Amino acid sequence: MMSVQMEEKLNLKLLELLEGKQLSISGLSRELKARGIDEHRLVLTGYLRALRDLEILEETEVPPSKIYALPEKTTELLSEKGKESRSPELSDPEEVYSILKAQLLKINLDFRIPVGVYVVSRLFERPCFRRELKLIGITQKHLEQYLEKPGIVYEAQDTHLKKARADITKIEIPSDDPAYEMRENKEEVIRLANEVFAGLIKHRLDLEGLVAKSKQTTLLP
């Protein structure tokens, strides 16, 4: 039986994953595993149905899958909670990474590393360090697995990083910390990165009365 603490953690993760999205049980299971929550599919299915019965989630039949999403009232509650937790200034130097992490969690796992590297590199006008990838939710294991295959992200030459490390004063970057750059800019990466930038702006600005209440969601497998 799932403990109360584990139920609360799973509940928060599910709400976080489904904010602005629709996901199947397989999609949710995959995303939860990426965050260190490895629940058996049958347990997860039962829990999702319980949340549906409590009207915390909406369930839609899309044969052969069942798709889960947040009802409008839950989305509005999360939006209000987010507004209450916002501060007018970034008092914690790592807060910007926390905001980026929350935005990246909405993106398919396969694109998170290139999008994360692209966003950090464009935002700070330098390569993205491994320490920063960790702050935005990229695990060492995930990074190593990604770099094993040819891709659009590559490790930057250390000769170019001394000045970049010296310029970073608000967080600690280890002297031997590698950094990463984009080999090329793919259209899909740029599109997803723009969504992250938009989310970052929305988090810092009060857009009440400007944003449509009925939002188009993204359906992932």
C-alpha atoms as a PDB file:
ATOM      1  CA  MET A   1       0.000   0.000   0.000  1.00  0.00           C
ATOM      2  CA  MET A   2       1.263   3.484  -0.886  1.00  0.00           C
ATOM      3  CA  SER A   3       2.201   5.685   2.085  1.00  0.00           C
ATOM      4  CA  VAL A   4       0.495   9.045   2.607  1.00  0.00           C
ATOM      5  CA  GLN A   5       3.793  10.827   1.893  1.00  0.00           C
ATOM      6  CA  MET A   6       4.288   8.859  -1.322  1.00  0.00           C
ATOM      7  CA  GLU A   7       0.685   9.548  -2.378  1.00  0.00           C
ATOM      8  CA  GLU A   8       1.222  13.273  -1.856  1.00  0.00           C
ATOM      9  CA  LYS A   9       4.476  13.208  -3.831  1.00  0.00           C
ATOM     10  CA  LEU A  10       2.857  11.256  -6.681  1.00  0.00           C
ATOM     11  CA  ASN A  11      -0.175  13.545  -6.677  1.00  0.00           C
ATOM     12  CA  LEU A  12       2.003  16.664  -6.958  1.00  0.00           C
ATOM     13  CA  LYS A  13       4.094  15.126  -9.735  1.00  0.00           C
ATOM     14  CA  LEU A  14       1.018  14.112 -11.721  1.00  0.00           C
ATOM     15  CA  LEU A  15      -0.475  17.591 -11.453  1.00  0.00           C
ATOM     16  CA  GLU A  16       2.868  19.081 -12.464  1.00  0.00           C
ATOM     17  CA  LEU A  17       3.186  16.763 -15.479  1.00  0.00           C
ATOM     18  CA  LEU A  18      -0.361  17.392 -16.673  1.00  0.00           C
ATOM     19  CA  GLU A  19      -0.279  21.171 -16.436  1.00  0.00           C
ATOM     20  CA  GLY A  20      -1.022  22.286 -20.011  1.00  0.00           C
ATOM     21  CA  LYS A  21      -0.747  18.721 -21.359  1.00  0.00           C
ATOM     22  CA  GLN A  22      -2.680  15.533 -21.980  1.00  0.00           C
ATOM     23  CA  LEU A  23      -0.815  12.269 -21.344  1.00  0.00           C
ATOM     24  CA  SER A  24      -1.571   8.568 -21.541  1.00  0.00           C
ATOM     25  CA  ILE A  25      -0.714   6.125 -18.754  1.00  0.00           C
ATOM     26  CA  SER A  26       2.403   5.108 -20.702  1.00  0.00           C
ATOM     27  CA  GLY A  27       3.437   8.733 -21.123  1.00  0.00           C
ATOM     28  CA  LEU A  28       2.923   9.474 -17.428  1.00  0.00           C
ATOM     29  CA  SER A  29       4.803   6.327 -16.396  1.00  0.00           C
ATOM     30  CA  ARG A  30       7.756   7.296 -18.602  1.00  0.00           C
ATOM     31  CA  GLU A  31       7.873  10.849 -17.246  1.00  0.00           C
ATOM     32  CA  LEU A  32       7.570   9.673 -13.622  1.00  0.00           C
ATOM     33  CA  LYS A  33      10.454   7.223 -14.072  1.00  0.00           C
ATOM     34  CA  ALA A  34      12.592  10.084 -15.383  1.00  0.00           C
ATOM     35  CA  ARG A  35      11.941  11.823 -12.040  1.00  0.00           C
ATOM     36  CA  GLY A  36      12.815   8.784  -9.914  1.00  0.00           C
ATOM     37  CA  ILE A  37       9.219   7.577  -9.308  1.00  0.00           C
ATOM     38  CA  ASP A  38       8.901   4.005 -10.571  1.00  0.00           C
ATOM     39  CA  GLU A  39       5.348   2.849  -9.834  1.00  0.00           C
ATOM     40  CA  HIS A  40       3.935  -0.378 -11.314  1.00  0.00           C
ATOM     41  CA  ARG A  41       1.551   0.345 -14.181  1.00  0.00           C
ATOM     42  CA  LEU A  42      -1.390  -1.289 -12.380  1.00  0.00           C
ATOM     43  CA  VAL A  43      -0.803   0.835  -9.269  1.00  0.00           C
ATOM     44  CA  LEU A  44      -0.542   3.988 -11.392  1.00  0.00           C
ATOM     45  CA  THR A  45      -3.712   3.049 -13.319  1.00  0.00           C
ATOM     46  CA  GLY A  46      -5.659   2.586 -10.096  1.00  0.00           C
ATOM     47  CA  TYR A  47      -4.401   5.860  -8.696  1.00  0.00           C
ATOM     48  CA  LEU A  48      -5.304   7.770 -11.885  1.00  0.00           C
ATOM     49  CA  ARG A  49      -8.820   6.335 -11.824  1.00  0.00           C
ATOM     50  CA  ALA A  50      -9.191   7.354  -8.186  1.00  0.00           C
ATOM     51  CA  LEU A  51      -8.160  10.913  -9.086  1.00  0.00           C
ATOM     52  CA  ARG A  52     -10.661  10.785 -11.954  1.00  0.00           C
ATOM     53  CA  ASP A  53     -13.428   9.698  -9.572  1.00  0.00           C
ATOM     54  CA  LEU A  54     -12.529  12.608  -7.286  1.00  0.00           C
ATOM     55  CA  GLU A  55     -12.749  14.907 -10.358  1.00  0.00           C
ATOM     56  CA  ILE A  56      -9.144  15.970  -9.854  1.00  0.00           C
ATOM     57  CA  LEU A  57      -8.325  14.587 -13.321  1.00  0.00           C
ATOM     58  CA  GLU A  58     -10.306  14.153 -16.517  1.00  0.00           C
ATOM     59  CA  GLU A  59     -10.125  10.846 -18.397  1.00  0.00           C
ATOM     60  CA  THR A  60     -10.734  10.590 -22.146  1.00  0.00           C
ATOM     61  CA  GLU A  61     -10.892   7.436 -24.258  1.00  0.00           C
ATOM     62  CA  VAL A  62      -8.542   7.612 -27.251  1.00  0.00           C
ATOM     63  CA  PRO A  63      -8.412   3.920 -28.291  1.00  0.00           C
ATOM     64  CA  PRO A  64      -6.374   2.003 -27.418  1.00  0.00           C
ATOM     65  CA  SER A  65      -5.334   4.465 -24.687  1.00  0.00           C
ATOM     66  CA  LYS A  66      -6.896   6.478 -21.914  1.00  0.00           C
ATOM     67  CA  ILE A  67      -5.750  10.095 -21.844  1.00  0.00           C
ATOM     68  CA  TYR A  68      -5.586  12.140 -18.654  1.00  0.00           C
ATOM     69  CA  ALA A  69      -5.703  15.907 -18.277  1.00  0.00           C
ATOM     70  CA  LEU A  70      -6.412  18.557 -15.675  1.00  0.00           C
ATOM     71  CA  PRO A  71      -9.973  19.909 -15.595  1.00  0.00           C
ATOM     72  CA  GLU A  72     -10.286  23.672 -15.955  1.00  0.00           C
ATOM     73  CA  LYS A  73     -11.014  24.222 -12.243  1.00  0.00           C
ATOM     74  CA  THR A  74      -7.790  22.405 -11.225  1.00  0.00           C
ATOM     75  CA  THR A  75      -5.782  24.374 -13.782  1.00  0.00           C
ATOM     76  CA  GLU A  76      -7.180  27.631 -12.365  1.00  0.00           C
ATOM     77  CA  LEU A  77      -6.271  26.594  -8.801  1.00  0.00           C
ATOM     78  CA  LEU A  78      -2.700  25.799  -9.866  1.00  0.00           C
ATOM     79  CA  SER A  79      -2.507  29.134 -11.666  1.00  0.00           C
ATOM     80  CA  GLU A  80      -3.650  31.008  -8.542  1.00  0.00           C
ATOM     81  CA  LYS A  81      -1.199  29.068  -6.378  1.00  0.00           C
ATOM     82  CA  GLY A  82       1.602  29.935  -8.794  1.00  0.00           C
ATOM     83  CA  LYS A  83       0.756  33.632  -8.618  1.00  0.00           C
ATOM     84  CA  GLU A  84       0.821  33.591  -4.813  1.00  0.00           C
ATOM     85  CA  SER A  85       4.250  31.978  -4.761  1.00  0.00           C
ATOM     86  CA  ARG A  86       5.833  34.459  -7.175  1.00  0.00           C
ATOM     87  CA  SER A  87       8.191  37.086  -5.869  1.00  0.00           C
ATOM     88  CA  PRO A  88       8.794  40.438  -7.577  1.00  0.00           C
ATOM     89  CA  GLU A  89      12.526  39.786  -7.702  1.00  0.00           C
ATOM     90  CA  LEU A  90      14.746  36.735  -8.040  1.00  0.00           C
ATOM     91  CA  SER A  91      16.080  36.687  -4.479  1.00  0.00           C
ATOM     92  CA  ASP A  92      17.723  33.264  -4.911  1.00  0.00           C
ATOM     93  CA  PRO A  93      20.349  33.087  -7.701  1.00  0.00           C
ATOM     94  CA  GLU A  94      19.210  29.531  -8.455  1.00  0.00           C
ATOM     95  CA  GLU A  95      15.543  30.513  -8.831  1.00  0.00           C
ATOM     96  CA  VAL A  96      15.868  31.165 -12.550  1.00  0.00           C
ATOM     97  CA  TYR A  97      17.052  27.564 -12.964  1.00  0.00           C
ATOM     98  CA  SER A  98      14.075  26.318 -10.938  1.00  0.00           C
ATOM     99  CA  ILE A  99      11.730  28.203 -13.269  1.00  0.00           C
ATOM    100  CA  LEU A 100      13.493  26.754 -16.323  1.00  0.00           C
ATOM    101  CA  LYS A 101      13.300  23.277 -14.768  1.00  0.00           C
ATOM    102  CA  ALA A 102       9.530  23.610 -14.337  1.00  0.00           C
ATOM    103  CA  GLN A 103       9.179  24.647 -17.989  1.00  0.00           C
ATOM    104  CA  LEU A 104      11.424  21.833 -19.259  1.00  0.00           C
ATOM    105  CA  LEU A 105       9.352  19.248 -17.382  1.00  0.00           C
ATOM    106  CA  LYS A 106       6.557  20.020 -19.847  1.00  0.00           C
ATOM    107  CA  ILE A 107       8.753  18.916 -22.758  1.00  0.00           C
ATOM    108  CA  ASN A 108       9.207  15.384 -24.059  1.00  0.00           C
ATOM    109  CA  LEU A 109      12.162  13.731 -22.314  1.00  0.00           C
ATOM    110  CA  ASP A 110      14.034  13.151 -25.592  1.00  0.00           C
ATOM    111  CA  PHE A 111      14.281  16.899 -26.256  1.00  0.00           C
ATOM    112  CA  ARG A 112      15.092  18.158 -22.766  1.00  0.00           C
ATOM    113  CA  ILE A 113      18.897  18.143 -23.057  1.00  0.00           C
ATOM    114  CA  PRO A 114      19.197  19.973 -26.413  1.00  0.00           C
ATOM    115  CA  VAL A 115      16.445  22.426 -25.440  1.00  0.00           C
ATOM    116  CA  GLY A 116      18.034  22.977 -22.010  1.00  0.00           C
ATOM    117  CA  VAL A 117      21.472  23.611 -23.519  1.00  0.00           C
ATOM    118  CA  TYR A 118      19.989  25.929 -26.162  1.00  0.00           C
ATOM    119  CA  VAL A 119      17.982  27.957 -23.636  1.00  0.00           C
ATOM    120  CA  VAL A 120      20.827  28.402 -21.138  1.00  0.00           C
ATOM    121  CA  SER A 121      23.304  29.237 -23.904  1.00  0.00           C
ATOM    122  CA  ARG A 122      21.018  31.853 -25.464  1.00  0.00           C
ATOM    123  CA  LEU A 123      19.916  33.289 -22.133  1.00  0.00           C
ATOM    124  CA  PHE A 124      23.426  33.721 -20.710  1.00  0.00           C
ATOM    125  CA  GLU A 125      25.324  34.073 -24.033  1.00  0.00           C
ATOM    126  CA  ARG A 126      27.849  31.332 -23.256  1.00  0.00           C
ATOM    127  CA  PRO A 127      28.086  27.507 -23.143  1.00  0.00           C
ATOM    128  CA  CYS A 128      25.886  25.638 -20.669  1.00  0.00           C
ATOM    129  CA  PHE A 129      27.765  23.966 -17.799  1.00  0.00           C
ATOM    130  CA  ARG A 130      26.953  20.517 -16.428  1.00  0.00           C
ATOM    131  CA  ARG A 131      26.186  22.110 -13.046  1.00  0.00           C
ATOM    132  CA  GLU A 132      23.492  24.178 -14.755  1.00  0.00           C
ATOM    133  CA  LEU A 133      22.010  21.128 -16.466  1.00  0.00           C
ATOM    134  CA  LYS A 134      21.679  19.535 -13.041  1.00  0.00           C
ATOM    135  CA  LEU A 135      19.888  22.653 -11.749  1.00  0.00           C
ATOM    136  CA  ILE A 136      17.354  22.468 -14.584  1.00  0.00           C
ATOM    137  CA  GLY A 137      16.597  18.812 -13.892  1.00  0.00           C
ATOM    138  CA  ILE A 138      18.974  16.879 -16.175  1.00  0.00           C
ATOM    139  CA  THR A 139      20.500  13.938 -14.312  1.00  0.00           C
ATOM    140  CA  GLN A 140      24.074  12.771 -14.884  1.00  0.00           C
ATOM    141  CA  LYS A 141      22.787   9.395 -16.098  1.00  0.00           C
ATOM    142  CA  HIS A 142      20.433  10.991 -18.601  1.00  0.00           C
ATOM    143  CA  LEU A 143      23.236  13.247 -19.879  1.00  0.00           C
ATOM    144  CA  GLU A 144      25.686  10.345 -20.271  1.00  0.00           C
ATOM    145  CA  GLN A 145      23.100   8.259 -22.128  1.00  0.00           C
ATOM    146  CA  TYR A 146      22.335  11.165 -24.453  1.00  0.00           C
ATOM    147  CA  LEU A 147      26.007  11.853 -25.248  1.00  0.00           C
ATOM    148  CA  GLU A 148      26.672   8.179 -26.068  1.00  0.00           C
ATOM    149  CA  LYS A 149      24.836   8.683 -29.355  1.00  0.00           C
ATOM    150  CA  PRO A 150      25.645  11.267 -32.044  1.00  0.00           C
ATOM    151  CA  GLY A 151      23.535  14.340 -31.469  1.00  0.00           C
ATOM    152  CA  ILE A 152      23.332  18.095 -31.813  1.00  0.00           C
ATOM    153  CA  VAL A 153      24.858  18.755 -28.379  1.00  0.00           C
ATOM    154  CA  TYR A 154      28.598  18.432 -27.885  1.00  0.00           C
ATOM    155  CA  GLU A 155      31.117  19.144 -25.130  1.00  0.00           C
ATOM    156  CA  ALA A 156      32.796  22.535 -25.513  1.00  0.00           C
ATOM    157  CA  GLN A 157      36.591  22.808 -25.561  1.00  0.00           C
ATOM    158  CA  ASP A 158      37.984  23.639 -22.136  1.00  0.00           C
ATOM    159  CA  THR A 159      40.237  26.388 -23.539  1.00  0.00           C
ATOM    160  CA  HIS A 160      37.147  28.532 -24.160  1.00  0.00           C
ATOM    161  CA  LEU A 161      35.638  28.041 -20.711  1.00  0.00           C
ATOM    162  CA  LYS A 162      38.031  29.780 -18.324  1.00  0.00           C
ATOM    163  CA  LYS A 163      36.521  33.239 -18.899  1.00  0.00           C
ATOM    164  CA  ALA A 164      32.966  31.859 -18.854  1.00  0.00           C
ATOM    165  CA  ARG A 165      33.579  30.287 -15.433  1.00  0.00           C
ATOM    166  CA  ALA A 166      35.118  33.509 -14.128  1.00  0.00           C
ATOM    167  CA  ASP A 167      32.102  35.527 -15.275  1.00  0.00           C
ATOM    168  CA  ILE A 168      29.678  33.351 -13.282  1.00  0.00           C
ATOM    169  CA  THR A 169      29.524  34.742  -9.742  1.00  0.00           C
ATOM    170  CA  LYS A 170      25.991  33.923  -8.547  1.00  0.00           C
ATOM    171  CA  ILE A 171      26.339  30.133  -8.541  1.00  0.00           C
ATOM    172  CA  GLU A 172      29.367  27.912  -7.997  1.00  0.00           C
ATOM    173  CA  ILE A 173      30.764  26.194 -11.093  1.00  0.00           C
ATOM    174  CA  PRO A 174      33.486  23.591 -10.320  1.00  0.00           C
ATOM    175  CA  SER A 175      36.796  24.318 -12.021  1.00  0.00           C
ATOM    176  CA  ASP A 176      36.648  21.004 -13.911  1.00  0.00           C
ATOM    177  CA  ASP A 177      32.960  21.236 -14.800  1.00  0.00           C
ATOM    178  CA  PRO A 178      32.440  20.554 -18.526  1.00  0.00           C
ATOM    179  CA  ALA A 179      30.167  22.724 -20.648  1.00  0.00           C
ATOM    180  CA  TYR A 180      28.037  21.998 -23.676  1.00  0.00           C
ATOM    181  CA  GLU A 181      27.100  23.770 -26.884  1.00  0.00           C
ATOM    182  CA  MET A 182      24.809  23.176 -29.845  1.00  0.00           C
ATOM    183  CA  ARG A 183      26.299  21.674 -32.978  1.00  0.00           C
ATOM    184  CA  GLU A 184      23.350  22.972 -34.990  1.00  0.00           C
ATOM    185  CA  ASN A 185      19.979  24.535 -34.303  1.00  0.00           C
ATOM    186  CA  LYS A 186      17.126  22.197 -35.190  1.00  0.00           C
ATOM    187  CA  GLU A 187      13.727  23.708 -35.942  1.00  0.00           C
ATOM    188  CA  GLU A 188      11.940  21.554 -33.335  1.00  0.00           C
ATOM    189  CA  VAL A 189      14.479  22.469 -30.625  1.00  0.00           C
ATOM    190  CA  ILE A 190      14.036  26.172 -31.351  1.00  0.00           C
ATOM    191  CA  ARG A 191      10.232  25.808 -31.258  1.00  0.00           C
ATOM    192  CA  LEU A 192      10.334  24.063 -27.873  1.00  0.00           C
ATOM    193  CA  ALA A 193      12.913  26.536 -26.564  1.00  0.00           C
ATOM    194  CA  ASN A 194      10.565  29.382 -27.489  1.00  0.00           C
ATOM    195  CA  GLU A 195       7.874  27.712 -25.357  1.00  0.00           C
ATOM    196  CA  VAL A 196      10.325  27.633 -22.440  1.00  0.00           C
ATOM    197  CA  PHE A 197      11.186  31.311 -22.915  1.00  0.00           C
ATOM    198  CA  ALA A 198       7.476  32.151 -23.076  1.00  0.00           C
ATOM    199  CA  GLY A 199       6.902  30.217 -19.850  1.00  0.00           C
ATOM    200  CA  LEU A 200       9.765  32.094 -18.195  1.00  0.00           C
ATOM    201  CA  ILE A 201       8.232  35.427 -19.173  1.00  0.00           C
ATOM    202  CA  LYS A 202       4.756  34.390 -18.008  1.00  0.00           C
ATOM    203  CA  HIS A 203       6.167  33.354 -14.649  1.00  0.00           C
ATOM    204  CA  ARG A 204       7.637  36.800 -14.048  1.00  0.00           C
ATOM    205  CA  LEU A 205       4.803  38.931 -15.438  1.00  0.00           C
ATOM    206  CA  ASP A 206       1.170  39.264 -14.417  1.00  0.00           C
ATOM    207  CA  LEU A 207      -0.712  38.455 -17.630  1.00  0.00           C
ATOM    208  CA  GLU A 208      -4.172  38.216 -16.058  1.00  0.00           C
ATOM    209  CA  GLY A 209      -6.747  39.618 -18.456  1.00  0.00           C
ATOM    210  CA  LEU A 210      -4.471  39.080 -21.461  1.00  0.00           C
ATOM    211  CA  VAL A 211      -4.134  35.282 -21.649  1.00  0.00           C
ATOM    212  CA  ALA A 212      -7.065  33.264 -23.036  1.00  0.00           C
ATOM    213  CA  LYS A 213      -8.815  31.201 -20.348  1.00  0.00           C
ATOM    214  CA  SER A 214      -9.388  28.324 -22.773  1.00  0.00           C
ATOM    215  CA  LYS A 215      -5.911  27.084 -23.652  1.00  0.00           C
ATOM    216  CA  GLN A 216      -4.918  24.651 -26.376  1.00  0.00           C
ATOM    217  CA  THR A 217      -3.161  21.629 -24.897  1.00  0.00           C
ATOM    218  CA  THR A 218      -0.477  19.408 -26.371  1.00  0.00           C
ATOM    219  CA  LEU A 219      -1.193  15.692 -26.730  1.00  0.00           C
ATOM    220  CA  LEU A 220       1.811  13.457 -26.151  1.00  0.00           C
ATOM    221  CA  PRO A 221       1.823   9.645 -26.556  1.00  0.00           C
END
